[in-house]
Structures are given as C-alpha cells and as structure tokens.
Amino acid sequence: SYWYNLTGGRPALYVVCRDEEGEFRPVVVTANH
C-alpha cells in the first residue's frame, strides 16, 4: 500500500480526525490508503 501511495500521482499522508468529547482532533496518521 505504501508503494502504491509513493508511486501514485499525489503521494500523501492521511490524517484521520474525529470529534471526541466535543473536541475535533487528529487520532491517526497513516501512509496506508
């Protein structure tokens, strides 16, 4: 998955966010699409 990310048109990190206890926050950072 990392290989496909790096060789694709727009390599990216993905930041997963959610609202926890009334606070919007990042919870996961991944390079896996």
PDB file of all heavy atoms in Angstrom:
ATOM      1  N   SER A   1       0.833  -1.205   0.000  1.00  0.00           N
ATOM      2  CA  SER A   1       0.000   0.000   0.000  1.00  0.00           C
ATOM      3  C   SER A   1       0.872   1.261   0.000  1.00  0.00           C
ATOM      4  O   SER A   1       0.572   2.228  -0.707  1.00  0.00           O
ATOM      5  CB  SER A   1      -0.938   0.012   1.207  1.00  0.00           C
ATOM      6  OG  SER A   1      -1.733   1.171   1.205  1.00  0.00           O
ATOM      7  N   TYR A   2       1.963   1.251   0.768  1.00  0.00           N
ATOM      8  CA  TYR A   2       2.875   2.398   0.793  1.00  0.00           C
ATOM      9  C   TYR A   2       3.493   2.611  -0.596  1.00  0.00           C
ATOM     10  O   TYR A   2       3.650   3.732  -1.050  1.00  0.00           O
ATOM     11  CB  TYR A   2       3.994   2.210   1.820  1.00  0.00           C
ATOM     12  CG  TYR A   2       3.549   1.928   3.225  1.00  0.00           C
ATOM     13  CD1 TYR A   2       4.309   1.114   4.057  1.00  0.00           C
ATOM     14  CD2 TYR A   2       2.384   2.472   3.752  1.00  0.00           C
ATOM     15  CE1 TYR A   2       3.927   0.862   5.362  1.00  0.00           C
ATOM     16  CE2 TYR A   2       1.995   2.214   5.057  1.00  0.00           C
ATOM     17  CZ  TYR A   2       2.769   1.399   5.855  1.00  0.00           C
ATOM     18  OH  TYR A   2       2.396   1.133   7.149  1.00  0.00           O
ATOM     19  N   TRP A   3       3.853   1.500  -1.248  1.00  0.00           N
ATOM     20  CA  TRP A   3       4.451   1.577  -2.575  1.00  0.00           C
ATOM     21  C   TRP A   3       3.486   2.238  -3.553  1.00  0.00           C
ATOM     22  O   TRP A   3       3.868   3.135  -4.308  1.00  0.00           O
ATOM     23  CB  TRP A   3       4.855   0.184  -3.049  1.00  0.00           C
ATOM     24  CG  TRP A   3       5.486   0.189  -4.409  1.00  0.00           C
ATOM     25  CD1 TRP A   3       6.772   0.524  -4.721  1.00  0.00           C
ATOM     26  CD2 TRP A   3       4.850  -0.134  -5.647  1.00  0.00           C
ATOM     27  NE1 TRP A   3       6.980   0.421  -6.075  1.00  0.00           N
ATOM     28  CE2 TRP A   3       5.811   0.012  -6.671  1.00  0.00           C
ATOM     29  CE3 TRP A   3       3.571  -0.551  -5.985  1.00  0.00           C
ATOM     30  CZ2 TRP A   3       5.531  -0.227  -7.999  1.00  0.00           C
ATOM     31  CZ3 TRP A   3       3.282  -0.792  -7.306  1.00  0.00           C
ATOM     32  CH2 TRP A   3       4.259  -0.631  -8.303  1.00  0.00           C
ATOM     33  N   TYR A   4       2.218   1.806  -3.544  1.00  0.00           N
ATOM     34  CA  TYR A   4       1.220   2.419  -4.427  1.00  0.00           C
ATOM     35  C   TYR A   4       1.039   3.903  -4.098  1.00  0.00           C
ATOM     36  O   TYR A   4       0.859   4.723  -4.990  1.00  0.00           O
ATOM     37  CB  TYR A   4      -0.117   1.693  -4.342  1.00  0.00           C
ATOM     38  CG  TYR A   4      -0.130   0.393  -5.104  1.00  0.00           C
ATOM     39  CD1 TYR A   4      -0.269  -0.815  -4.448  1.00  0.00           C
ATOM     40  CD2 TYR A   4       0.023   0.385  -6.489  1.00  0.00           C
ATOM     41  CE1 TYR A   4      -0.275  -2.013  -5.154  1.00  0.00           C
ATOM     42  CE2 TYR A   4       0.021  -0.812  -7.200  1.00  0.00           C
ATOM     43  CZ  TYR A   4      -0.130  -2.010  -6.522  1.00  0.00           C
ATOM     44  OH  TYR A   4      -0.131  -3.187  -7.220  1.00  0.00           O
ATOM     45  N   ASN A   5       1.093   4.241  -2.820  1.00  0.00           N
ATOM     46  CA  ASN A   5       0.987   5.642  -2.410  1.00  0.00           C
ATOM     47  C   ASN A   5       2.137   6.458  -2.997  1.00  0.00           C
ATOM     48  O   ASN A   5       1.927   7.504  -3.606  1.00  0.00           O
ATOM     49  CB  ASN A   5       0.978   5.732  -0.878  1.00  0.00           C
ATOM     50  CG  ASN A   5       0.776   7.133  -0.352  1.00  0.00           C
ATOM     51  OD1 ASN A   5       0.745   8.112  -1.072  1.00  0.00           O
ATOM     52  ND2 ASN A   5       0.661   7.246   0.956  1.00  0.00           N
ATOM     53  N   LEU A   6       3.360   5.966  -2.840  1.00  0.00           N
ATOM     54  CA  LEU A   6       4.541   6.708  -3.305  1.00  0.00           C
ATOM     55  C   LEU A   6       4.620   6.820  -4.819  1.00  0.00           C
ATOM     56  O   LEU A   6       5.130   7.810  -5.339  1.00  0.00           O
ATOM     57  CB  LEU A   6       5.819   6.053  -2.773  1.00  0.00           C
ATOM     58  CG  LEU A   6       6.064   6.158  -1.271  1.00  0.00           C
ATOM     59  CD1 LEU A   6       7.301   5.346  -0.885  1.00  0.00           C
ATOM     60  CD2 LEU A   6       6.198   7.598  -0.840  1.00  0.00           C
ATOM     61  N   THR A   7       4.114   5.811  -5.527  1.00  0.00           N
ATOM     62  CA  THR A   7       4.226   5.820  -6.988  1.00  0.00           C
ATOM     63  C   THR A   7       2.991   6.407  -7.661  1.00  0.00           C
ATOM     64  O   THR A   7       2.969   6.543  -8.888  1.00  0.00           O
ATOM     65  CB  THR A   7       4.490   4.399  -7.533  1.00  0.00           C
ATOM     66  OG1 THR A   7       3.400   3.541  -7.151  1.00  0.00           O
ATOM     67  CG2 THR A   7       5.811   3.862  -7.034  1.00  0.00           C
ATOM     68  N   GLY A   8       1.999   6.774  -6.897  1.00  0.00           N
ATOM     69  CA  GLY A   8       0.796   7.389  -7.454  1.00  0.00           C
ATOM     70  C   GLY A   8       1.030   8.844  -7.821  1.00  0.00           C
ATOM     71  O   GLY A   8       2.105   9.401  -7.607  1.00  0.00           O
ATOM     72  N   GLY A   9       0.009   9.467  -8.351  1.00  0.00           N
ATOM     73  CA  GLY A   9       0.119  10.846  -8.804  1.00  0.00           C
ATOM     74  C   GLY A   9       0.332  11.856  -7.688  1.00  0.00           C
ATOM     75  O   GLY A   9       0.981  12.879  -7.883  1.00  0.00           O
ATOM     76  N   ARG A  10      -0.213  11.589  -6.501  1.00  0.00           N
ATOM     77  CA  ARG A  10      -0.089  12.515  -5.367  1.00  0.00           C
ATOM     78  C   ARG A  10       0.203  11.746  -4.083  1.00  0.00           C
ATOM     79  O   ARG A  10      -0.710  11.445  -3.316  1.00  0.00           O
ATOM     80  CB  ARG A  10      -1.393  13.275  -5.178  1.00  0.00           C
ATOM     81  CG  ARG A  10      -1.598  14.351  -6.173  1.00  0.00           C
ATOM     82  CD  ARG A  10      -2.768  15.181  -5.725  1.00  0.00           C
ATOM     83  NE  ARG A  10      -2.831  16.385  -6.520  1.00  0.00           N
ATOM     84  CZ  ARG A  10      -3.890  17.112  -6.644  1.00  0.00           C
ATOM     85  NH1 ARG A  10      -4.995  16.780  -6.018  1.00  0.00           N
ATOM     86  NH2 ARG A  10      -3.869  18.197  -7.381  1.00  0.00           N
ATOM     87  N   PRO A  11       1.462  11.449  -3.817  1.00  0.00           N
ATOM     88  CA  PRO A  11       1.783  10.772  -2.553  1.00  0.00           C
ATOM     89  C   PRO A  11       1.284  11.610  -1.377  1.00  0.00           C
ATOM     90  O   PRO A  11       1.385  12.840  -1.390  1.00  0.00           O
ATOM     91  CB  PRO A  11       3.309  10.693  -2.556  1.00  0.00           C
ATOM     92  CG  PRO A  11       3.696  10.841  -3.997  1.00  0.00           C
ATOM     93  CD  PRO A  11       2.647  11.709  -4.622  1.00  0.00           C
ATOM     94  N   ALA A  12       0.721  10.946  -0.372  1.00  0.00           N
ATOM     95  CA  ALA A  12       0.109  11.682   0.736  1.00  0.00           C
ATOM     96  C   ALA A  12       0.215  10.919   2.046  1.00  0.00           C
ATOM     97  O   ALA A  12       0.360   9.694   2.068  1.00  0.00           O
ATOM     98  CB  ALA A  12      -1.365  11.940   0.427  1.00  0.00           C
ATOM     99  N   LEU A  13       0.123  11.676   3.120  1.00  0.00           N
ATOM    100  CA  LEU A  13      -0.172  11.108   4.425  1.00  0.00           C
ATOM    101  C   LEU A  13      -1.651  11.370   4.650  1.00  0.00           C
ATOM    102  O   LEU A  13      -2.196  12.374   4.188  1.00  0.00           O
ATOM    103  CB  LEU A  13       0.648  11.772   5.529  1.00  0.00           C
ATOM    104  CG  LEU A  13       2.142  11.510   5.505  1.00  0.00           C
ATOM    105  CD1 LEU A  13       2.818  12.232   6.674  1.00  0.00           C
ATOM    106  CD2 LEU A  13       2.450  10.021   5.549  1.00  0.00           C
ATOM    107  N   TYR A  14      -2.283  10.472   5.362  1.00  0.00           N
ATOM    108  CA  TYR A  14      -3.710  10.603   5.641  1.00  0.00           C
ATOM    109  C   TYR A  14      -3.887  10.836   7.133  1.00  0.00           C
ATOM    110  O   TYR A  14      -3.387  10.059   7.952  1.00  0.00           O
ATOM    111  CB  TYR A  14      -4.456   9.346   5.192  1.00  0.00           C
ATOM    112  CG  TYR A  14      -4.225   9.080   3.727  1.00  0.00           C
ATOM    113  CD1 TYR A  14      -3.240   8.174   3.318  1.00  0.00           C
ATOM    114  CD2 TYR A  14      -4.933   9.766   2.755  1.00  0.00           C
ATOM    115  CE1 TYR A  14      -3.003   7.952   1.972  1.00  0.00           C
ATOM    116  CE2 TYR A  14      -4.701   9.545   1.409  1.00  0.00           C
ATOM    117  CZ  TYR A  14      -3.730   8.635   1.027  1.00  0.00           C
ATOM    118  OH  TYR A  14      -3.479   8.424  -0.308  1.00  0.00           O
ATOM    119  N   VAL A  15      -4.565  11.925   7.454  1.00  0.00           N
ATOM    120  CA  VAL A  15      -4.814  12.280   8.850  1.00  0.00           C
ATOM    121  C   VAL A  15      -6.278  11.995   9.133  1.00  0.00           C
ATOM    122  O   VAL A  15      -7.162  12.563   8.506  1.00  0.00           O
ATOM    123  CB  VAL A  15      -4.480  13.759   9.123  1.00  0.00           C
ATOM    124  CG1 VAL A  15      -4.767  14.108  10.589  1.00  0.00           C
ATOM    125  CG2 VAL A  15      -3.034  14.064   8.760  1.00  0.00           C
ATOM    126  N   VAL A  16      -6.504  11.085  10.066  1.00  0.00           N
ATOM    127  CA  VAL A  16      -7.855  10.703  10.465  1.00  0.00           C
ATOM    128  C   VAL A  16      -8.232  11.535  11.686  1.00  0.00           C
ATOM    129  O   VAL A  16      -7.498  11.553  12.676  1.00  0.00           O
ATOM    130  CB  VAL A  16      -7.924   9.204  10.806  1.00  0.00           C
ATOM    131  CG1 VAL A  16      -9.319   8.809  11.264  1.00  0.00           C
ATOM    132  CG2 VAL A  16      -7.473   8.356   9.613  1.00  0.00           C
ATOM    133  N   CYS A  17      -9.364  12.223  11.589  1.00  0.00           N
ATOM    134  CA  CYS A  17      -9.817  13.088  12.677  1.00  0.00           C
ATOM    135  C   CYS A  17     -11.223  12.677  13.091  1.00  0.00           C
ATOM    136  O   CYS A  17     -12.004  12.169  12.284  1.00  0.00           O
ATOM    137  CB  CYS A  17      -9.838  14.550  12.243  1.00  0.00           C
ATOM    138  SG  CYS A  17      -8.215  15.221  11.817  1.00  0.00           S
ATOM    139  N   ARG A  18     -11.526  12.946  14.345  1.00  0.00           N
ATOM    140  CA  ARG A  18     -12.893  12.729  14.833  1.00  0.00           C
ATOM    141  C   ARG A  18     -13.173  13.684  15.972  1.00  0.00           C
ATOM    142  O   ARG A  18     -12.256  14.264  16.557  1.00  0.00           O
ATOM    143  CB  ARG A  18     -13.134  11.275  15.213  1.00  0.00           C
ATOM    144  CG  ARG A  18     -12.324  10.745  16.355  1.00  0.00           C
ATOM    145  CD  ARG A  18     -12.701   9.316  16.734  1.00  0.00           C
ATOM    146  NE  ARG A  18     -12.371   8.364  15.697  1.00  0.00           N
ATOM    147  CZ  ARG A  18     -11.582   7.314  15.864  1.00  0.00           C
ATOM    148  NH1 ARG A  18     -11.045   7.069  17.034  1.00  0.00           N
ATOM    149  NH2 ARG A  18     -11.319   6.507  14.873  1.00  0.00           N
ATOM    150  N   ASP A  19     -14.430  13.828  16.247  1.00  0.00           N
ATOM    151  CA  ASP A  19     -14.874  14.672  17.355  1.00  0.00           C
ATOM    152  C   ASP A  19     -14.969  13.773  18.586  1.00  0.00           C
ATOM    153  O   ASP A  19     -15.809  12.882  18.640  1.00  0.00           O
ATOM    154  CB  ASP A  19     -16.238  15.288  17.034  1.00  0.00           C
ATOM    155  CG  ASP A  19     -16.554  16.466  17.922  1.00  0.00           C
ATOM    156  OD1 ASP A  19     -16.236  16.397  19.122  1.00  0.00           O
ATOM    157  OD2 ASP A  19     -17.113  17.440  17.416  1.00  0.00           O
ATOM    158  N   GLU A  20     -14.079  14.000  19.535  1.00  0.00           N
ATOM    159  CA  GLU A  20     -14.063  13.222  20.772  1.00  0.00           C
ATOM    160  C   GLU A  20     -14.280  14.161  21.943  1.00  0.00           C
ATOM    161  O   GLU A  20     -13.516  15.111  22.121  1.00  0.00           O
ATOM    162  CB  GLU A  20     -12.739  12.471  20.936  1.00  0.00           C
ATOM    163  CG  GLU A  20     -12.545  11.370  19.925  1.00  0.00           C
ATOM    164  CD  GLU A  20     -11.272  10.580  20.168  1.00  0.00           C
ATOM    165  OE1 GLU A  20     -10.370  11.063  20.896  1.00  0.00           O
ATOM    166  OE2 GLU A  20     -11.176   9.462  19.628  1.00  0.00           O
ATOM    167  N   GLU A  21     -15.316  13.885  22.699  1.00  0.00           N
ATOM    168  CA  GLU A  21     -15.636  14.697  23.876  1.00  0.00           C
ATOM    169  C   GLU A  21     -15.755  16.175  23.518  1.00  0.00           C
ATOM    170  O   GLU A  21     -15.271  17.050  24.249  1.00  0.00           O
ATOM    171  CB  GLU A  21     -14.588  14.470  24.969  1.00  0.00           C
ATOM    172  CG  GLU A  21     -14.484  13.025  25.411  1.00  0.00           C
ATOM    173  CD  GLU A  21     -13.338  12.771  26.378  1.00  0.00           C
ATOM    174  OE1 GLU A  21     -12.721  13.736  26.875  1.00  0.00           O
ATOM    175  OE2 GLU A  21     -13.058  11.596  26.627  1.00  0.00           O
ATOM    176  N   GLY A  22     -16.378  16.466  22.373  1.00  0.00           N
ATOM    177  CA  GLY A  22     -16.590  17.840  21.954  1.00  0.00           C
ATOM    178  C   GLY A  22     -15.368  18.525  21.373  1.00  0.00           C
ATOM    179  O   GLY A  22     -15.389  19.714  21.100  1.00  0.00           O
ATOM    180  N   GLU A  23     -14.302  17.784  21.163  1.00  0.00           N
ATOM    181  CA  GLU A  23     -13.051  18.346  20.636  1.00  0.00           C
ATOM    182  C   GLU A  23     -12.708  17.654  19.322  1.00  0.00           C
ATOM    183  O   GLU A  23     -12.540  16.441  19.284  1.00  0.00           O
ATOM    184  CB  GLU A  23     -11.924  18.125  21.642  1.00  0.00           C
ATOM    185  CG  GLU A  23     -10.587  18.668  21.216  1.00  0.00           C
ATOM    186  CD  GLU A  23     -10.539  20.177  21.306  1.00  0.00           C
ATOM    187  OE1 GLU A  23     -10.891  20.712  22.370  1.00  0.00           O
ATOM    188  OE2 GLU A  23     -10.155  20.802  20.312  1.00  0.00           O
ATOM    189  N   PHE A  24     -12.611  18.411  18.236  1.00  0.00           N
ATOM    190  CA  PHE A  24     -12.187  17.871  16.945  1.00  0.00           C
ATOM    191  C   PHE A  24     -10.683  17.677  16.999  1.00  0.00           C
ATOM    192  O   PHE A  24      -9.946  18.626  17.246  1.00  0.00           O
ATOM    193  CB  PHE A  24     -12.570  18.839  15.824  1.00  0.00           C
ATOM    194  CG  PHE A  24     -12.244  18.320  14.457  1.00  0.00           C
ATOM    195  CD1 PHE A  24     -13.135  17.490  13.797  1.00  0.00           C
ATOM    196  CD2 PHE A  24     -11.056  18.665  13.837  1.00  0.00           C
ATOM    197  CE1 PHE A  24     -12.841  17.008  12.525  1.00  0.00           C
ATOM    198  CE2 PHE A  24     -10.756  18.188  12.576  1.00  0.00           C
ATOM    199  CZ  PHE A  24     -11.650  17.361  11.921  1.00  0.00           C
ATOM    200  N   ARG A  25     -10.244  16.441  16.782  1.00  0.00           N
ATOM    201  CA  ARG A  25      -8.819  16.159  16.937  1.00  0.00           C
ATOM    202  C   ARG A  25      -8.338  15.075  15.976  1.00  0.00           C
ATOM    203  O   ARG A  25      -9.105  14.195  15.599  1.00  0.00           O
ATOM    204  CB  ARG A  25      -8.518  15.726  18.359  1.00  0.00           C
ATOM    205  CG  ARG A  25      -9.210  14.428  18.743  1.00  0.00           C
ATOM    206  CD  ARG A  25      -8.906  13.938  20.127  1.00  0.00           C
ATOM    207  NE  ARG A  25      -9.296  14.902  21.114  1.00  0.00           N
ATOM    208  CZ  ARG A  25      -8.721  14.999  22.311  1.00  0.00           C
ATOM    209  NH1 ARG A  25      -7.762  14.181  22.646  1.00  0.00           N
ATOM    210  NH2 ARG A  25      -9.119  15.899  23.165  1.00  0.00           N
ATOM    211  N   PRO A  26      -7.053  15.136  15.622  1.00  0.00           N
ATOM    212  CA  PRO A  26      -6.469  14.046  14.838  1.00  0.00           C
ATOM    213  C   PRO A  26      -6.241  12.845  15.761  1.00  0.00           C
ATOM    214  O   PRO A  26      -5.826  13.007  16.914  1.00  0.00           O
ATOM    215  CB  PRO A  26      -5.145  14.628  14.346  1.00  0.00           C
ATOM    216  CG  PRO A  26      -4.814  15.718  15.306  1.00  0.00           C
ATOM    217  CD  PRO A  26      -6.111  16.222  15.862  1.00  0.00           C
ATOM    218  N   VAL A  27      -6.544  11.658  15.256  1.00  0.00           N
ATOM    219  CA  VAL A  27      -6.362  10.451  16.063  1.00  0.00           C
ATOM    220  C   VAL A  27      -5.412   9.440  15.416  1.00  0.00           C
ATOM    221  O   VAL A  27      -4.838   8.607  16.113  1.00  0.00           O
ATOM    222  CB  VAL A  27      -7.712   9.774  16.390  1.00  0.00           C
ATOM    223  CG1 VAL A  27      -8.531  10.652  17.329  1.00  0.00           C
ATOM    224  CG2 VAL A  27      -8.514   9.454  15.143  1.00  0.00           C
ATOM    225  N   VAL A  28      -5.268   9.507  14.099  1.00  0.00           N
ATOM    226  CA  VAL A  28      -4.393   8.574  13.374  1.00  0.00           C
ATOM    227  C   VAL A  28      -3.731   9.317  12.234  1.00  0.00           C
ATOM    228  O   VAL A  28      -4.375  10.121  11.552  1.00  0.00           O
ATOM    229  CB  VAL A  28      -5.198   7.375  12.798  1.00  0.00           C
ATOM    230  CG1 VAL A  28      -4.328   6.491  11.919  1.00  0.00           C
ATOM    231  CG2 VAL A  28      -5.856   6.556  13.887  1.00  0.00           C
ATOM    232  N   VAL A  29      -2.452   9.027  12.028  1.00  0.00           N
ATOM    233  CA  VAL A  29      -1.739   9.488  10.843  1.00  0.00           C
ATOM    234  C   VAL A  29      -1.180   8.236  10.181  1.00  0.00           C
ATOM    235  O   VAL A  29      -0.519   7.427  10.839  1.00  0.00           O
ATOM    236  CB  VAL A  29      -0.602  10.473  11.189  1.00  0.00           C
ATOM    237  CG1 VAL A  29       0.130  10.913   9.916  1.00  0.00           C
ATOM    238  CG2 VAL A  29      -1.137  11.682  11.948  1.00  0.00           C
ATOM    239  N   THR A  30      -1.469   8.059   8.889  1.00  0.00           N
ATOM    240  CA  THR A  30      -1.042   6.855   8.194  1.00  0.00           C
ATOM    241  C   THR A  30      -0.619   7.177   6.765  1.00  0.00           C
ATOM    242  O   THR A  30      -1.049   8.183   6.200  1.00  0.00           O
ATOM    243  CB  THR A  30      -2.170   5.787   8.184  1.00  0.00           C
ATOM    244  OG1 THR A  30      -1.695   4.595   7.549  1.00  0.00           O
ATOM    245  CG2 THR A  30      -3.407   6.282   7.463  1.00  0.00           C
ATOM    246  N   ALA A  31       0.205   6.313   6.199  1.00  0.00           N
ATOM    247  CA  ALA A  31       0.572   6.410   4.790  1.00  0.00           C
ATOM    248  C   ALA A  31      -0.156   5.333   3.991  1.00  0.00           C
ATOM    249  O   ALA A  31       0.031   5.206   2.790  1.00  0.00           O
ATOM    250  CB  ALA A  31       2.082   6.257   4.624  1.00  0.00           C
ATOM    251  N   ASN A  32      -1.005   4.565   4.669  1.00  0.00           N
ATOM    252  CA  ASN A  32      -1.715   3.444   4.061  1.00  0.00           C
ATOM    253  C   ASN A  32      -3.093   3.906   3.587  1.00  0.00           C
ATOM    254  O   ASN A  32      -3.977   4.184   4.396  1.00  0.00           O
ATOM    255  CB  ASN A  32      -1.837   2.320   5.096  1.00  0.00           C
ATOM    256  CG  ASN A  32      -2.485   1.079   4.547  1.00  0.00           C
ATOM    257  OD1 ASN A  32      -3.330   1.129   3.654  1.00  0.00           O
ATOM    258  ND2 ASN A  32      -2.103  -0.056   5.102  1.00  0.00           N
ATOM    259  N   HIS A  33      -3.268   3.974   2.271  1.00  0.00           N
ATOM    260  CA  HIS A  33      -4.533   4.427   1.686  1.00  0.00           C
ATOM    261  C   HIS A  33      -5.695   3.526   2.106  1.00  0.00           C
ATOM    262  O   HIS A  33      -6.799   4.003   2.354  1.00  0.00           O
ATOM    263  CB  HIS A  33      -4.420   4.476   0.162  1.00  0.00           C
ATOM    264  CG  HIS A  33      -5.678   4.941  -0.480  1.00  0.00           C
ATOM    265  ND1 HIS A  33      -6.680   4.078  -0.857  1.00  0.00           N
ATOM    266  CD2 HIS A  33      -6.117   6.178  -0.779  1.00  0.00           C
ATOM    267  CE1 HIS A  33      -7.685   4.775  -1.374  1.00  0.00           C
ATOM    268  NE2 HIS A  33      -7.356   6.041  -1.343  1.00  0.00           N
TER     269      HIS A  33
END
